[in-house]
C-alpha cells in the first residue's frame, strides 16, 4: 500500500468538544501521522498521512467526530507527502 497525504477541514461544532484529543487517539491507533489544530473561524484543520485504508477509516471518523461534536461539513483534499513522523496537536 502506498502512503498518502490528505488535508481535512471540518466545520460545525468541533471546538470545545475534545475533537483534537479524540482525533489524536484515533490517529495514533491507526498509525496516522500529521497534525490537528483549531482554526480562528471555529473549524478544525488536519493534515494526515498514512496507508490509504487507515486514512479512509480516519476520515470516516472525522465525519462523525467525538460524542459532543456536530459536523456540518468535512472537506478532504489529497496533497503531497510531508513525511510526518508522529501525530500532534498544534496551537
Protein backbone atom coordinates (compact mmCIF):
# COMPACT_ATOMS: atom_id res chain seq x y z
CA UNK A 1 0.00 0.00 0.00
CA UNK A 2 1.15 3.49 -0.79
CA UNK A 3 1.37 6.23 1.81
CA UNK A 4 -0.96 9.15 1.07
CA UNK A 5 -1.47 12.65 2.45
CA UNK A 6 -4.86 14.26 2.98
CA UNK A 7 -5.77 17.73 4.22
CA UNK A 8 -9.06 17.65 6.11
CA UNK A 9 -11.16 20.69 7.07
CA UNK A 10 -14.08 20.11 9.44
CA UNK A 11 -16.79 22.67 10.12
CA UNK A 12 -19.55 22.62 12.71
CA UNK A 13 -19.47 22.33 16.49
CA UNK A 14 -15.93 20.98 16.57
CA UNK A 15 -14.15 23.20 19.11
CA UNK A 16 -14.65 22.74 22.84
CA UNK A 17 -15.82 19.13 22.40
CA UNK A 18 -12.42 17.37 22.73
CA UNK A 19 -12.22 16.86 18.97
CA UNK A 20 -8.45 17.32 18.78
CA UNK A 21 -7.73 14.89 21.60
CA UNK A 22 -10.12 12.23 20.31
CA UNK A 23 -8.71 12.58 16.79
CA UNK A 24 -5.18 12.21 18.12
CA UNK A 25 -6.13 8.96 19.88
CA UNK A 26 -7.77 7.59 16.71
CA UNK A 27 -4.82 8.70 14.54
CA UNK A 28 -2.32 7.01 16.84
CA UNK A 29 -4.38 3.80 16.85
CA UNK A 30 -4.36 3.82 13.03
CA UNK A 31 -0.65 4.78 12.71
CA UNK A 32 -1.55 8.09 11.05
CA UNK A 33 0.98 10.89 11.19
CA UNK A 34 0.45 14.63 10.85
CA UNK A 35 -1.25 17.28 12.96
CA UNK A 36 -4.56 18.80 14.02
CA UNK A 37 -5.34 22.37 15.02
CA UNK A 38 -8.24 24.67 15.82
CA UNK A 39 -8.71 27.49 13.29
CA UNK A 40 -9.80 31.03 14.26
CA UNK A 41 -13.04 30.58 12.26
CA UNK A 42 -14.17 27.77 14.61
CA UNK A 43 -13.22 24.91 12.27
CA UNK A 44 -10.65 22.15 12.76
CA UNK A 45 -7.83 21.52 10.27
CA UNK A 46 -5.96 18.21 9.95
CA UNK A 47 -3.06 17.04 7.85
CA UNK A 48 -2.91 13.25 7.89
CA UNK A 49 -0.51 10.78 6.31
CA UNK A 50 -0.66 7.01 6.32
CA UNK A 51 -1.84 3.92 4.49
CA UNK A 52 -4.87 4.64 2.33
CA UNK A 53 -7.16 2.16 4.17
CA UNK A 54 -6.23 3.65 7.55
CA UNK A 55 -6.75 7.18 6.21
CA UNK A 56 -10.19 6.27 4.91
CA UNK A 57 -11.16 4.92 8.34
CA UNK A 58 -9.83 8.11 9.97
CA UNK A 59 -11.75 10.31 7.51
CA UNK A 60 -14.97 8.41 8.21
CA UNK A 61 -14.41 9.05 11.93
CA UNK A 62 -13.80 12.76 11.21
CA UNK A 63 -17.22 12.96 9.54
CA UNK A 64 -18.80 11.95 12.87
CA UNK A 65 -16.25 13.12 15.46
CA UNK A 66 -16.46 12.65 19.21
CA UNK A 67 -19.79 12.37 21.03
CA UNK A 68 -20.49 16.10 21.54
CA UNK A 69 -19.37 17.25 18.07
CA UNK A 70 -21.82 18.28 15.36
CA UNK A 71 -20.23 18.05 11.91
CA UNK A 72 -21.69 20.33 9.25
CA UNK A 73 -19.05 19.72 6.59
CA UNK A 74 -15.89 17.66 6.13
CA UNK A 75 -13.71 18.56 3.13
CA UNK A 76 -10.87 16.23 2.13
CA UNK A 77 -8.13 17.01 -0.39
CA UNK A 78 -5.15 14.90 -1.38
CA UNK A 79 -1.79 16.68 -1.23
CA UNK A 80 1.91 15.85 -1.50
CA UNK A 81 3.60 13.96 1.32
CA UNK A 82 5.34 15.89 4.10
CA UNK A 83 6.71 12.72 5.76
CA UNK A 84 5.45 13.46 9.26
CA UNK A 85 6.84 11.16 11.95
CA UNK A 86 4.07 11.49 14.55
CA UNK A 87 0.58 12.94 15.04
CA UNK A 88 0.37 16.03 17.22
CA UNK A 89 -1.96 18.77 18.38
CA UNK A 90 -0.78 22.18 17.21
CA UNK A 91 -1.79 25.55 18.59
